[in-house]
Amino acid sequence: MGQVVEVSTDWTVDVPSAANSTKVVGIALTGGTAGQFISIVCRGICRATSGGAINAGDQVTNGSSNGQVITDNTDKNTTILGIALSTVSASGQTVYVLLW
């Protein structure tokens, strides 16, 4: 729950295999293990796990292969997931994100 997910195979998602993935479909609303169905938020407000410090108003994208969101300062308008609605100071914290 709270991890960024990308399409990995037919009707299957996993955490992204690399930062700034173009295959991201949203953030997991529920948790699960391999083979289980999960719910995914594709648009709207949800909780995500931070991959570092994020300020409210920052554009966010997926971090490396851990499913966390990070600020996007390099690749604007290509892999942006949304905008942070809250501020966090470190990796592993809950940040609220508006996905678009």
N, C-alpha and C. Protein backbone atom coordinates (compact mmCIF):
# COMPACT_ATOMS: atom_id res chain seq x y z
N MET A 1 0.84 -1.17 0.00
CA MET A 1 0.00 0.00 0.00
C MET A 1 0.89 1.24 0.00
N GLY A 2 0.52 2.23 -0.82
CA GLY A 2 1.28 3.47 -0.87
C GLY A 2 2.47 3.45 -1.80
N GLN A 3 2.66 2.33 -2.52
CA GLN A 3 3.78 2.25 -3.45
C GLN A 3 3.33 2.57 -4.87
N VAL A 4 4.21 3.21 -5.62
CA VAL A 4 3.98 3.44 -7.04
C VAL A 4 4.03 2.09 -7.75
N VAL A 5 3.11 1.89 -8.72
CA VAL A 5 3.11 0.63 -9.47
C VAL A 5 3.10 0.92 -10.97
N GLU A 6 3.70 0.02 -11.73
CA GLU A 6 3.73 0.10 -13.18
C GLU A 6 3.22 -1.21 -13.77
N VAL A 7 2.78 -1.16 -15.01
CA VAL A 7 2.37 -2.38 -15.71
C VAL A 7 3.62 -3.20 -15.97
N SER A 8 3.59 -4.47 -15.57
CA SER A 8 4.76 -5.33 -15.77
C SER A 8 4.52 -6.40 -16.84
N THR A 9 3.32 -7.00 -16.84
CA THR A 9 2.90 -7.94 -17.89
C THR A 9 1.40 -7.76 -18.04
N ASP A 10 0.77 -8.58 -18.86
CA ASP A 10 -0.68 -8.48 -19.07
C ASP A 10 -1.43 -8.49 -17.75
N TRP A 11 -2.20 -7.44 -17.49
CA TRP A 11 -3.05 -7.32 -16.31
C TRP A 11 -2.30 -7.50 -15.00
N THR A 12 -1.03 -7.17 -14.98
CA THR A 12 -0.20 -7.34 -13.79
C THR A 12 0.60 -6.07 -13.54
N VAL A 13 0.72 -5.69 -12.26
CA VAL A 13 1.53 -4.54 -11.89
C VAL A 13 2.60 -4.96 -10.90
N ASP A 14 3.63 -4.13 -10.81
CA ASP A 14 4.73 -4.34 -9.86
C ASP A 14 5.31 -2.96 -9.57
N VAL A 15 6.20 -2.88 -8.58
CA VAL A 15 6.87 -1.62 -8.35
C VAL A 15 7.76 -1.35 -9.57
N PRO A 16 7.97 -0.08 -9.92
CA PRO A 16 8.77 0.23 -11.11
C PRO A 16 10.18 -0.35 -11.04
N SER A 17 10.67 -0.75 -12.21
CA SER A 17 12.01 -1.33 -12.27
C SER A 17 13.10 -0.27 -12.33
N ALA A 18 12.72 1.01 -12.56
CA ALA A 18 13.69 2.10 -12.62
C ALA A 18 13.00 3.42 -12.30
N ALA A 19 13.78 4.42 -11.96
CA ALA A 19 13.23 5.75 -11.70
C ALA A 19 12.64 6.33 -12.99
N ASN A 20 11.68 7.25 -12.83
CA ASN A 20 11.05 7.94 -13.95
C ASN A 20 10.45 6.98 -14.99
N SER A 21 9.83 5.91 -14.53
CA SER A 21 9.24 4.93 -15.44
C SER A 21 8.09 5.55 -16.23
N THR A 22 8.01 5.20 -17.50
CA THR A 22 6.91 5.65 -18.35
C THR A 22 5.75 4.65 -18.32
N LYS A 23 5.88 3.58 -17.54
CA LYS A 23 4.84 2.55 -17.44
C LYS A 23 3.99 2.67 -16.18
N VAL A 24 4.23 3.70 -15.37
CA VAL A 24 3.51 3.87 -14.11
C VAL A 24 2.03 4.10 -14.38
N VAL A 25 1.17 3.41 -13.60
CA VAL A 25 -0.28 3.57 -13.73
C VAL A 25 -0.91 4.18 -12.50
N GLY A 26 -0.20 4.25 -11.38
CA GLY A 26 -0.78 4.84 -10.19
C GLY A 26 -0.07 4.41 -8.93
N ILE A 27 -0.80 4.54 -7.82
CA ILE A 27 -0.28 4.18 -6.50
C ILE A 27 -1.21 3.15 -5.88
N ALA A 28 -0.63 2.10 -5.30
CA ALA A 28 -1.42 1.02 -4.70
C ALA A 28 -2.22 1.53 -3.52
N LEU A 29 -3.52 1.34 -3.58
CA LEU A 29 -4.41 1.73 -2.49
C LEU A 29 -4.48 0.62 -1.44
N THR A 30 -4.30 -0.61 -1.87
CA THR A 30 -4.30 -1.76 -0.97
C THR A 30 -3.02 -2.55 -1.17
N GLY A 31 -2.66 -3.34 -0.20
CA GLY A 31 -1.48 -4.19 -0.29
C GLY A 31 -1.85 -5.57 -0.80
N GLY A 32 -0.86 -6.33 -1.13
CA GLY A 32 -1.09 -7.69 -1.59
C GLY A 32 0.23 -8.39 -1.85
N THR A 33 0.13 -9.66 -2.15
CA THR A 33 1.31 -10.44 -2.52
C THR A 33 1.12 -10.93 -3.94
N ALA A 34 2.13 -11.54 -4.49
CA ALA A 34 2.10 -12.01 -5.88
C ALA A 34 0.85 -12.84 -6.14
N GLY A 35 0.16 -12.52 -7.21
CA GLY A 35 -1.04 -13.27 -7.60
C GLY A 35 -2.34 -12.74 -7.03
N GLN A 36 -2.27 -11.79 -6.08
CA GLN A 36 -3.47 -11.22 -5.48
C GLN A 36 -3.90 -9.97 -6.23
N PHE A 37 -5.21 -9.69 -6.19
CA PHE A 37 -5.73 -8.45 -6.75
C PHE A 37 -5.50 -7.32 -5.76
N ILE A 38 -5.16 -6.13 -6.29
CA ILE A 38 -5.03 -4.95 -5.46
C ILE A 38 -5.80 -3.81 -6.11
N SER A 39 -6.08 -2.77 -5.33
CA SER A 39 -6.73 -1.57 -5.86
C SER A 39 -5.65 -0.53 -6.11
N ILE A 40 -5.81 0.22 -7.20
CA ILE A 40 -4.83 1.23 -7.58
C ILE A 40 -5.53 2.56 -7.78
N VAL A 41 -4.96 3.64 -7.24
CA VAL A 41 -5.46 4.98 -7.48
C VAL A 41 -4.74 5.52 -8.70
N CYS A 42 -5.52 5.91 -9.72
CA CYS A 42 -4.93 6.44 -10.95
C CYS A 42 -5.06 7.95 -11.04
N ARG A 43 -6.10 8.51 -10.45
CA ARG A 43 -6.32 9.95 -10.41
C ARG A 43 -6.96 10.28 -9.07
N GLY A 44 -6.60 11.43 -8.53
CA GLY A 44 -7.18 11.86 -7.27
C GLY A 44 -6.12 11.94 -6.18
N ILE A 45 -6.57 12.06 -4.95
CA ILE A 45 -5.68 12.23 -3.81
C ILE A 45 -5.44 10.89 -3.13
N CYS A 46 -4.18 10.60 -2.84
CA CYS A 46 -3.86 9.35 -2.15
C CYS A 46 -2.60 9.53 -1.31
N ARG A 47 -2.35 8.55 -0.47
CA ARG A 47 -1.13 8.53 0.33
C ARG A 47 -0.08 7.73 -0.42
N ALA A 48 1.16 8.22 -0.35
CA ALA A 48 2.28 7.52 -0.98
C ALA A 48 3.44 7.51 0.00
N THR A 49 4.42 6.68 -0.27
CA THR A 49 5.62 6.61 0.55
C THR A 49 6.71 7.45 -0.10
N SER A 50 7.32 8.34 0.67
CA SER A 50 8.33 9.25 0.12
C SER A 50 9.68 8.56 -0.03
N GLY A 51 10.42 9.01 -1.03
CA GLY A 51 11.78 8.53 -1.25
C GLY A 51 12.82 9.56 -0.85
N GLY A 52 12.40 10.56 -0.08
CA GLY A 52 13.26 11.64 0.37
C GLY A 52 12.42 12.83 0.76
N ALA A 53 13.07 13.95 1.02
CA ALA A 53 12.34 15.16 1.39
C ALA A 53 11.51 15.66 0.20
N ILE A 54 10.27 16.05 0.48
CA ILE A 54 9.36 16.57 -0.54
C ILE A 54 8.61 17.73 0.09
N ASN A 55 8.48 18.81 -0.65
CA ASN A 55 7.73 19.97 -0.19
C ASN A 55 6.36 20.00 -0.84
N ALA A 56 5.37 20.49 -0.11
CA ALA A 56 4.04 20.66 -0.68
C ALA A 56 4.19 21.53 -1.93
N GLY A 57 3.57 21.12 -3.02
CA GLY A 57 3.66 21.83 -4.28
C GLY A 57 4.68 21.27 -5.24
N ASP A 58 5.58 20.40 -4.76
CA ASP A 58 6.56 19.78 -5.66
C ASP A 58 5.89 18.80 -6.61
N GLN A 59 6.35 18.77 -7.85
CA GLN A 59 5.92 17.73 -8.77
C GLN A 59 6.66 16.46 -8.38
N VAL A 60 5.97 15.31 -8.44
CA VAL A 60 6.59 14.05 -8.03
C VAL A 60 6.53 13.02 -9.15
N THR A 61 7.48 12.11 -9.08
CA THR A 61 7.58 10.98 -10.00
C THR A 61 7.97 9.77 -9.17
N ASN A 62 8.14 8.61 -9.81
CA ASN A 62 8.57 7.44 -9.05
C ASN A 62 10.08 7.46 -8.87
N GLY A 63 10.51 6.98 -7.70
CA GLY A 63 11.94 6.86 -7.43
C GLY A 63 12.49 5.61 -8.10
N SER A 64 13.55 5.05 -7.57
CA SER A 64 14.12 3.84 -8.14
C SER A 64 13.18 2.67 -7.93
N SER A 65 13.65 1.49 -7.82
CA SER A 65 12.80 0.30 -7.81
C SER A 65 12.16 -0.02 -6.47
N ASN A 66 11.94 0.98 -5.61
CA ASN A 66 11.35 0.71 -4.30
C ASN A 66 9.90 1.18 -4.17
N GLY A 67 9.33 1.73 -5.25
CA GLY A 67 7.93 2.14 -5.22
C GLY A 67 7.66 3.45 -4.51
N GLN A 68 8.70 4.22 -4.19
CA GLN A 68 8.52 5.48 -3.49
C GLN A 68 8.43 6.64 -4.47
N VAL A 69 7.81 7.75 -4.02
CA VAL A 69 7.75 8.95 -4.85
C VAL A 69 8.87 9.90 -4.46
N ILE A 70 9.39 10.61 -5.46
CA ILE A 70 10.45 11.60 -5.25
C ILE A 70 10.08 12.86 -6.03
N THR A 71 10.75 13.97 -5.70
CA THR A 71 10.52 15.18 -6.47
C THR A 71 11.13 15.00 -7.85
N ASP A 72 10.52 15.64 -8.85
CA ASP A 72 11.03 15.54 -10.21
C ASP A 72 11.63 16.89 -10.58
N ASN A 73 12.95 16.97 -10.58
CA ASN A 73 13.64 18.21 -10.91
C ASN A 73 14.36 18.15 -12.24
N THR A 74 14.28 17.00 -12.93
CA THR A 74 15.08 16.86 -14.14
C THR A 74 14.28 16.57 -15.39
N ASP A 75 13.17 15.90 -15.28
CA ASP A 75 12.47 15.40 -16.47
C ASP A 75 11.04 15.94 -16.50
N LYS A 76 10.87 17.24 -16.41
CA LYS A 76 9.55 17.86 -16.32
C LYS A 76 8.66 17.46 -17.49
N ASN A 77 7.38 17.26 -17.16
CA ASN A 77 6.31 17.03 -18.12
C ASN A 77 6.39 15.70 -18.87
N THR A 78 7.22 14.76 -18.46
CA THR A 78 7.24 13.46 -19.14
C THR A 78 6.85 12.32 -18.23
N THR A 79 7.32 12.31 -17.00
CA THR A 79 7.00 11.21 -16.11
C THR A 79 6.40 11.70 -14.79
N ILE A 80 5.83 12.87 -14.80
CA ILE A 80 5.23 13.43 -13.59
C ILE A 80 3.98 12.64 -13.23
N LEU A 81 3.90 12.19 -11.97
CA LEU A 81 2.71 11.49 -11.49
C LEU A 81 1.66 12.46 -10.97
N GLY A 82 2.13 13.55 -10.37
CA GLY A 82 1.21 14.51 -9.77
C GLY A 82 1.96 15.52 -8.96
N ILE A 83 1.27 16.08 -7.97
CA ILE A 83 1.85 17.13 -7.14
C ILE A 83 1.65 16.79 -5.67
N ALA A 84 2.69 17.05 -4.87
CA ALA A 84 2.62 16.78 -3.43
C ALA A 84 1.71 17.80 -2.77
N LEU A 85 0.83 17.32 -1.90
CA LEU A 85 -0.07 18.19 -1.15
C LEU A 85 0.41 18.41 0.28
N SER A 86 1.44 17.67 0.68
CA SER A 86 1.99 17.80 2.03
C SER A 86 3.51 17.76 1.96
N THR A 87 4.14 18.16 3.05
CA THR A 87 5.60 18.20 3.12
C THR A 87 6.10 17.08 4.02
N VAL A 88 7.17 16.41 3.59
CA VAL A 88 7.83 15.39 4.42
C VAL A 88 9.32 15.69 4.40
N SER A 89 10.02 15.27 5.44
CA SER A 89 11.43 15.62 5.57
C SER A 89 12.39 14.49 5.26
N ALA A 90 11.88 13.26 5.08
CA ALA A 90 12.80 12.14 4.89
C ALA A 90 12.13 10.99 4.13
N SER A 91 12.92 10.07 3.70
CA SER A 91 12.46 8.87 3.01
C SER A 91 11.62 8.00 3.94
N GLY A 92 10.62 7.33 3.39
CA GLY A 92 9.81 6.40 4.16
C GLY A 92 8.62 7.01 4.85
N GLN A 93 8.42 8.32 4.70
CA GLN A 93 7.29 8.99 5.33
C GLN A 93 6.09 9.01 4.40
N THR A 94 4.90 9.21 4.97
CA THR A 94 3.68 9.29 4.18
C THR A 94 3.52 10.71 3.65
N VAL A 95 3.36 10.82 2.35
CA VAL A 95 3.13 12.10 1.69
C VAL A 95 1.81 12.00 0.92
N TYR A 96 1.01 13.05 0.96
CA TYR A 96 -0.25 13.06 0.22
C TYR A 96 0.01 13.66 -1.15
N VAL A 97 -0.49 12.96 -2.18
CA VAL A 97 -0.22 13.32 -3.56
C VAL A 97 -1.53 13.43 -4.33
N LEU A 98 -1.63 14.45 -5.17
CA LEU A 98 -2.73 14.57 -6.12
C LEU A 98 -2.24 14.02 -7.44
N LEU A 99 -2.75 12.85 -7.82
CA LEU A 99 -2.35 12.21 -9.08
C LEU A 99 -3.17 12.79 -10.23
N TRP A 100 -2.52 12.95 -11.39
CA TRP A 100 -3.25 13.39 -12.57
C TRP A 100 -2.99 12.53 -13.75
